[in-house]
Amino acid sequence: EIINKERSELESTFSSPIGSQCISCEYRLNDANNKGKALSGFDACWREATGIKQEDMGENKFVADIYSSTKRTLAKLLNENKYTFADLTAKDFGLNEDGAPLGDKKNKAYSE
């Protein structure tokens, strides 16, 4: 109980909005090494902002993790309420549903 109370009090101190600053968050812990022993400030912020449950945090890959993500791209995705890889579509990667680049004149669906 004491640990849960301390954890709850500590988590309530995190209220930073999520955004491009999350790409280089210094308060993110690698769960493989951490094994739930310490709190992750990254997790606390993202849980508060997105409503993702604690038990699902390790299962999700976040848009802040996309290697080629730029601050502008991340801001766009967050504004569209796209927080995890599961929220992304082919269009988010510049592709249509067939996997062809958007704007490809050879693509039948694009020309219709």
Foldseek 3Di string as FASTA:
>chain_A
DVVVVVVVVVLVVQADADALVLLPDPQADDCVVCVPVDDRSSVSNCCVRQVDDPVCVVVFAFPSPDPPDDRVLRRVCVVVSNTTPVSDDLVSVQADNVRHGAPPPPDPVNVD
